[in-house]
Amino acid sequence: MVLAYAKSPKLEIAEYYRSRFARIAPAYYLALFLFMLPIFTRGWGYDFLGLALNATMLQSWVPSKALSLNAPGWSLSTELLFYLLFPFLFNSIYKIRSFWLVAACGVAFFIFSQVTHNFLLKPLFYQGFPSASHDLVYYFPPMHLNEFIMGNIAGLFYMKYMANSSRANGPWIILSILALLFCLKTPMGLSLHNGLLVIVFIPMILLICSDNGLFSRVMSLKPLVFLGEISFGIYIFQMPVLIVSDSLLKRAGMADPTMLFFTYLVILGIVSALSFNLIETPLRRKINEFRIAPKPLAA
């Protein structure tokens, strides 16, 4: 978002909120509907409070409801906080304050958040999964604000120091990927869930953004670009597609777990592509074009 709006003198708040809603709402609500459809059609009991919270993207604010209904939606509930804050951060801080002051404050907040997160994982407070304490530590939106701030700082750094330069970063990108794998596979006694991996992700993303070598050319291939465009759908549709496809495939006699997984993956890709082309893109265009015409003044 920093890269998208960096050259704007000021972010128009209403326009920004409309564009964010247009991007996430069609797929989010379609996925929620598909998840609820078997419940509605079969008359199963369901959680009215969970449905209300998911419909308003507020489920992560109530720890016991964070993973209710379409579980991946918890992250959209968290992103909603980021979207609400971004125009004010952009207009009141990023545009008028020194980058290094913003970066210093952001890093201090990041360190404080990581210390708090790991402290809350101590047995004195944390009761394991599933529990309200687990949902509070892992899914409560303010617990992820440090990730968003660090991503903003990375965007500001790129625009200030790297936007007008590019080079072949292939070896460094490979090194950053190896560093990520090392962090994932090596026990460090710290939780990686709530943002600690930005230490590796930020250099990786900056290297990828400024690359003009083989890696950039490969990632610019149309199939991979399209895969990136439907990636949100792949994420948000994963549960409803899994429930339906698993039931249908098992009824058809497919029992091998490997075949079930890869068939499901193909179905998920097809559903996401169809949603992106037939539902998300047309609705996003209509929402972004929507304007409330001012009433004519009386004579």
Protein backbone atom coordinates (compact mmCIF):
# COMPACT_ATOMS: atom_id res chain seq x y z
CA MET A 1 0.00 0.00 0.00
CA VAL A 2 2.90 2.37 0.68
CA LEU A 3 4.22 1.71 -2.82
CA ALA A 4 0.79 2.20 -4.37
CA TYR A 5 0.18 5.58 -2.73
CA ALA A 6 3.72 6.89 -2.16
CA LYS A 7 3.51 9.53 -4.91
CA SER A 8 0.14 10.86 -3.75
CA PRO A 9 0.40 14.11 -1.76
CA LYS A 10 -2.50 12.97 0.41
CA LEU A 11 -4.57 9.84 0.70
CA GLU A 12 -8.28 10.37 0.11
CA ILE A 13 -9.81 8.39 2.96
CA ALA A 14 -13.23 7.59 1.42
CA GLU A 15 -11.63 6.55 -1.88
CA TYR A 16 -9.13 4.36 -0.07
CA TYR A 17 -11.74 2.59 2.04
CA ARG A 18 -13.89 1.97 -1.02
CA SER A 19 -11.00 0.43 -2.95
CA ARG A 20 -10.05 -1.81 -0.02
CA PHE A 21 -13.65 -2.97 0.42
CA ALA A 22 -13.91 -3.62 -3.32
CA ARG A 23 -10.80 -5.77 -3.24
CA ILE A 24 -11.57 -8.03 -0.29
CA ALA A 25 -15.36 -8.07 0.17
CA PRO A 26 -16.56 -10.04 -2.92
CA ALA A 27 -14.34 -13.07 -2.30
CA TYR A 28 -14.67 -12.85 1.49
CA TYR A 29 -18.47 -12.90 1.51
CA LEU A 30 -18.69 -15.48 -1.27
CA ALA A 31 -16.41 -17.79 0.75
CA LEU A 32 -18.51 -17.20 3.87
CA PHE A 33 -21.69 -18.00 1.92
CA LEU A 34 -20.18 -21.19 0.47
CA PHE A 35 -19.05 -22.24 3.93
CA MET A 36 -22.52 -21.65 5.39
CA LEU A 37 -24.42 -23.21 2.48
CA PRO A 38 -24.22 -26.85 3.70
CA ILE A 39 -25.29 -25.69 7.17
CA PHE A 40 -28.30 -23.80 5.81
CA THR A 41 -29.40 -26.55 3.39
CA ARG A 42 -29.06 -29.40 5.90
CA GLY A 43 -30.64 -27.54 8.79
CA TRP A 44 -27.66 -27.94 11.11
CA GLY A 45 -27.40 -25.70 14.13
CA TYR A 46 -24.97 -22.81 13.75
CA ASP A 47 -23.46 -20.04 15.77
CA PHE A 48 -25.49 -16.83 15.40
CA LEU A 49 -22.89 -14.70 17.20
CA GLY A 50 -20.10 -16.18 15.08
CA LEU A 51 -22.10 -15.48 11.93
CA ALA A 52 -22.70 -11.86 12.96
CA LEU A 53 -19.03 -11.33 13.80
CA ASN A 54 -17.87 -12.93 10.54
CA ALA A 55 -20.37 -10.87 8.55
CA THR A 56 -18.87 -7.68 10.02
CA MET A 57 -15.26 -8.97 9.96
CA LEU A 58 -14.99 -8.57 13.74
CA GLN A 59 -14.46 -12.21 14.72
CA SER A 60 -10.81 -11.81 15.77
CA TRP A 61 -11.81 -9.17 18.35
CA VAL A 62 -13.69 -11.86 20.29
CA PRO A 63 -11.03 -14.50 21.09
CA SER A 64 -13.43 -17.43 21.37
CA LYS A 65 -14.84 -16.62 17.90
CA ALA A 66 -11.62 -15.92 15.97
CA LEU A 67 -11.74 -19.21 14.04
CA SER A 68 -15.52 -19.53 13.89
CA LEU A 69 -17.08 -20.49 10.55
CA ASN A 70 -14.61 -19.89 7.69
CA ALA A 71 -11.44 -19.98 9.81
CA PRO A 72 -9.06 -18.20 7.35
CA GLY A 73 -11.28 -15.13 7.68
CA TRP A 74 -9.57 -14.30 11.00
CA SER A 75 -6.76 -12.58 9.09
CA LEU A 76 -9.24 -10.36 7.23
CA SER A 77 -10.61 -9.28 10.60
CA THR A 78 -7.05 -8.30 11.50
CA GLU A 79 -6.41 -6.60 8.17
CA LEU A 80 -9.50 -4.49 8.73
CA LEU A 81 -7.68 -2.79 11.61
CA PHE A 82 -4.71 -2.12 9.32
CA TYR A 83 -6.95 -0.63 6.63
CA LEU A 84 -8.67 1.65 9.13
CA LEU A 85 -5.34 2.95 10.43
CA PHE A 86 -3.40 3.31 7.18
CA PRO A 87 -4.85 6.63 5.88
CA PHE A 88 -4.13 8.34 9.19
CA LEU A 89 -0.61 6.90 9.40
CA PHE A 90 0.05 7.88 5.79
CA ASN A 91 -1.30 11.44 5.97
CA SER A 92 -0.27 12.38 9.50
CA ILE A 93 3.03 10.54 9.95
CA TYR A 94 4.59 9.07 6.82
CA LYS A 95 4.13 12.20 4.73
CA ILE A 96 5.39 14.72 7.28
CA ARG A 97 7.85 12.92 9.58
CA SER A 98 11.45 11.90 8.99
CA PHE A 99 11.79 8.36 7.67
CA TRP A 100 14.39 7.48 10.27
CA LEU A 101 12.20 8.72 13.11
CA VAL A 102 9.31 6.63 11.81
CA ALA A 103 11.63 3.63 11.40
CA ALA A 104 13.07 3.99 14.92
CA CYS A 105 9.60 4.18 16.49
CA GLY A 106 8.39 1.27 14.36
CA VAL A 107 11.32 -0.96 15.30
CA ALA A 108 10.86 -0.09 19.00
CA PHE A 109 7.18 -1.04 18.73
CA PHE A 110 8.14 -4.25 16.92
CA ILE A 111 10.55 -5.26 19.69
CA PHE A 112 7.98 -4.43 22.38
CA SER A 113 5.34 -6.50 20.54
CA GLN A 114 7.65 -9.51 20.20
CA VAL A 115 8.58 -9.40 23.89
CA THR A 116 4.89 -9.14 24.83
CA HIS A 117 3.87 -11.96 22.50
CA ASN A 118 6.49 -14.38 23.81
CA PHE A 119 5.78 -13.39 27.43
CA LEU A 120 2.09 -14.21 26.96
CA LEU A 121 3.07 -17.69 25.77
CA LYS A 122 4.35 -18.52 29.26
CA PRO A 123 2.35 -21.19 31.15
CA LEU A 124 1.16 -18.56 33.63
CA PHE A 125 -1.16 -17.18 30.92
CA TYR A 126 -1.19 -19.47 27.89
CA GLN A 127 -3.45 -22.53 28.08
CA GLY A 128 -2.69 -24.09 24.71
CA PHE A 129 -4.93 -24.81 21.74
CA PRO A 130 -7.88 -24.64 21.75
CA SER A 131 -8.47 -21.93 24.33
CA ALA A 132 -9.40 -18.27 24.54
CA SER A 133 -5.80 -17.51 25.55
CA HIS A 134 -4.53 -19.11 22.33
CA ASP A 135 -6.89 -17.05 20.20
CA LEU A 136 -6.00 -13.87 22.09
CA VAL A 137 -2.25 -14.38 21.66
CA TYR A 138 -2.32 -15.55 18.04
CA TYR A 139 -5.35 -13.88 16.42
CA PHE A 140 -6.21 -10.70 18.34
CA PRO A 141 -5.70 -7.85 15.79
CA PRO A 142 -3.46 -5.53 17.90
CA MET A 143 -1.05 -8.45 18.37
CA HIS A 144 -0.31 -8.26 14.64
CA LEU A 145 -0.02 -4.50 14.30
CA ASN A 146 3.79 -4.73 14.52
CA GLU A 147 3.85 -6.75 11.27
CA PHE A 148 1.86 -4.08 9.48
CA ILE A 149 4.04 -1.23 10.77
CA MET A 150 7.23 -3.03 9.75
CA GLY A 151 5.77 -3.65 6.29
CA ASN A 152 5.01 0.06 5.99
CA ILE A 153 8.56 0.91 7.01
CA ALA A 154 9.90 -1.51 4.39
CA GLY A 155 7.76 0.24 1.76
CA LEU A 156 8.98 3.67 2.85
CA PHE A 157 12.59 2.46 2.75
CA TYR A 158 12.12 1.07 -0.76
CA MET A 159 10.60 4.28 -2.10
CA LYS A 160 13.28 6.44 -0.49
CA TYR A 161 16.40 4.42 -1.31
CA MET A 162 15.67 1.68 -3.86
CA ALA A 163 12.80 2.70 -6.17
CA ASN A 164 15.05 4.17 -8.87
CA SER A 165 17.67 1.43 -8.88
CA SER A 166 17.56 -2.21 -9.87
CA ARG A 167 20.01 -5.02 -10.40
CA ALA A 168 20.17 -8.80 -10.64
CA ASN A 169 19.65 -10.01 -7.08
CA GLY A 170 19.26 -13.71 -7.82
CA PRO A 171 22.04 -15.03 -5.52
CA TRP A 172 20.90 -12.76 -2.67
CA ILE A 173 17.28 -13.84 -3.11
CA ILE A 174 18.34 -17.49 -2.94
CA LEU A 175 20.37 -16.70 0.19
CA SER A 176 17.35 -15.01 1.80
CA ILE A 177 15.18 -18.05 1.01
CA LEU A 178 17.79 -20.32 2.62
CA ALA A 179 17.82 -18.02 5.66
CA LEU A 180 14.04 -18.34 5.88
CA LEU A 181 14.22 -22.13 5.70
CA PHE A 182 16.90 -22.11 8.39
CA CYS A 183 14.68 -20.02 10.68
CA LEU A 184 11.72 -22.33 10.09
CA LYS A 185 13.68 -25.52 10.71
CA THR A 186 15.92 -24.41 13.58
CA PRO A 187 14.34 -24.24 17.06
CA MET A 188 15.09 -20.83 18.54
CA GLY A 189 12.78 -20.89 21.55
CA LEU A 190 10.77 -17.97 20.14
CA SER A 191 7.37 -17.86 18.46
CA LEU A 192 7.53 -17.06 14.74
CA HIS A 193 3.79 -16.54 14.35
CA ASN A 194 3.24 -12.88 15.17
CA GLY A 195 5.78 -11.11 13.02
CA LEU A 196 9.24 -12.23 14.03
CA LEU A 197 9.89 -13.49 10.50
CA VAL A 198 9.78 -9.95 9.12
CA ILE A 199 13.49 -9.92 9.93
CA VAL A 200 13.91 -12.31 6.99
CA PHE A 201 10.89 -11.37 4.90
CA ILE A 202 11.69 -7.67 4.59
CA PRO A 203 15.16 -8.17 3.01
CA MET A 204 13.69 -10.87 0.77
CA ILE A 205 10.84 -8.64 -0.43
CA LEU A 206 13.15 -5.66 -0.99
CA LEU A 207 15.52 -7.84 -3.01
CA ILE A 208 12.67 -9.20 -5.12
CA CYS A 209 11.18 -5.74 -5.72
CA SER A 210 14.50 -4.34 -6.93
CA ASP A 211 15.51 -7.34 -9.03
CA ASN A 212 15.85 -7.06 -12.81
CA GLY A 213 17.50 -10.42 -13.44
CA LEU A 214 16.35 -13.96 -14.16
CA PHE A 215 14.21 -14.18 -11.04
CA SER A 216 12.21 -11.11 -12.06
CA ARG A 217 11.70 -12.40 -15.60
CA VAL A 218 10.48 -15.78 -14.36
CA MET A 219 8.10 -14.23 -11.84
CA SER A 220 6.74 -11.93 -14.57
CA LEU A 221 5.44 -14.87 -16.62
CA LYS A 222 1.69 -14.50 -17.15
CA PRO A 223 0.68 -17.78 -15.42
CA LEU A 224 2.61 -16.78 -12.30
CA VAL A 225 1.22 -13.24 -12.38
CA PHE A 226 -2.30 -14.68 -12.65
CA LEU A 227 -1.55 -17.06 -9.79
CA GLY A 228 -0.64 -14.01 -7.72
CA GLU A 229 -3.88 -12.28 -8.69
CA ILE A 230 -6.02 -15.22 -7.54
CA SER A 231 -3.92 -15.92 -4.43
CA PHE A 232 -6.42 -14.19 -2.14
CA GLY A 233 -9.13 -16.49 -3.47
CA ILE A 234 -6.91 -19.53 -2.94
CA TYR A 235 -6.50 -18.43 0.67
CA ILE A 236 -10.08 -17.50 1.52
CA PHE A 237 -11.79 -20.37 -0.37
CA GLN A 238 -9.56 -23.12 1.03
CA MET A 239 -11.99 -24.28 3.75
CA PRO A 240 -15.33 -24.31 1.86
CA VAL A 241 -13.71 -25.96 -1.17
CA LEU A 242 -12.02 -28.52 1.09
CA ILE A 243 -15.30 -29.44 2.81
CA VAL A 244 -17.23 -29.85 -0.46
CA SER A 245 -14.49 -31.48 -2.56
CA ASP A 246 -13.47 -33.92 0.18
CA SER A 247 -17.07 -35.09 0.57
CA LEU A 248 -17.68 -35.45 -3.17
CA LEU A 249 -14.37 -37.12 -3.95
CA LYS A 250 -14.75 -39.67 -1.17
CA ARG A 251 -18.26 -40.46 -2.37
CA ALA A 252 -16.77 -41.03 -5.83
CA GLY A 253 -14.46 -43.64 -4.33
CA MET A 254 -11.22 -41.67 -4.09
CA ALA A 255 -9.45 -42.66 -0.87
CA ASP A 256 -5.74 -42.07 -1.46
CA PRO A 257 -4.71 -39.00 0.62
CA THR A 258 -2.19 -37.81 -1.97
CA MET A 259 -4.71 -37.97 -4.81
CA LEU A 260 -7.31 -36.28 -2.64
CA PHE A 261 -4.93 -33.43 -1.83
CA PHE A 262 -3.77 -32.71 -5.39
CA THR A 263 -7.29 -33.02 -6.81
CA TYR A 264 -8.48 -30.61 -4.13
CA LEU A 265 -5.64 -28.25 -5.05
CA VAL A 266 -6.71 -28.24 -8.71
CA ILE A 267 -10.35 -27.63 -7.76
CA LEU A 268 -9.32 -24.82 -5.42
CA GLY A 269 -7.33 -23.16 -8.22
CA ILE A 270 -10.26 -23.45 -10.65
CA VAL A 271 -12.75 -22.03 -8.14
CA SER A 272 -10.40 -19.14 -7.31
CA ALA A 273 -9.82 -18.35 -10.99
CA LEU A 274 -13.54 -18.41 -11.79
CA SER A 275 -14.30 -16.23 -8.78
CA PHE A 276 -11.61 -13.73 -9.74
CA ASN A 277 -12.76 -13.41 -13.36
CA LEU A 278 -16.53 -13.73 -13.00
CA ILE A 279 -17.28 -12.27 -9.57
CA GLU A 280 -14.43 -10.38 -7.90
CA THR A 281 -13.21 -8.32 -10.86
CA PRO A 282 -16.67 -7.19 -12.10
CA LEU A 283 -17.84 -6.37 -8.56
CA ARG A 284 -14.62 -4.56 -7.75
CA ARG A 285 -15.04 -2.43 -10.85
CA LYS A 286 -18.65 -1.60 -9.99
CA ILE A 287 -17.86 -0.76 -6.36
CA ASN A 288 -14.96 1.50 -7.37
CA GLU A 289 -17.15 3.25 -9.93
CA PHE A 290 -19.99 3.78 -7.47
CA ARG A 291 -20.56 7.40 -6.52
CA ILE A 292 -23.37 9.05 -4.61
CA ALA A 293 -24.54 11.93 -6.81
CA PRO A 294 -24.98 15.18 -4.89
CA LYS A 295 -28.53 16.43 -4.61
CA PRO A 296 -29.28 19.50 -6.75
CA LEU A 297 -29.60 22.74 -4.80
CA ALA A 298 -33.05 24.22 -4.52
CA ALA A 299 -33.64 27.30 -6.62
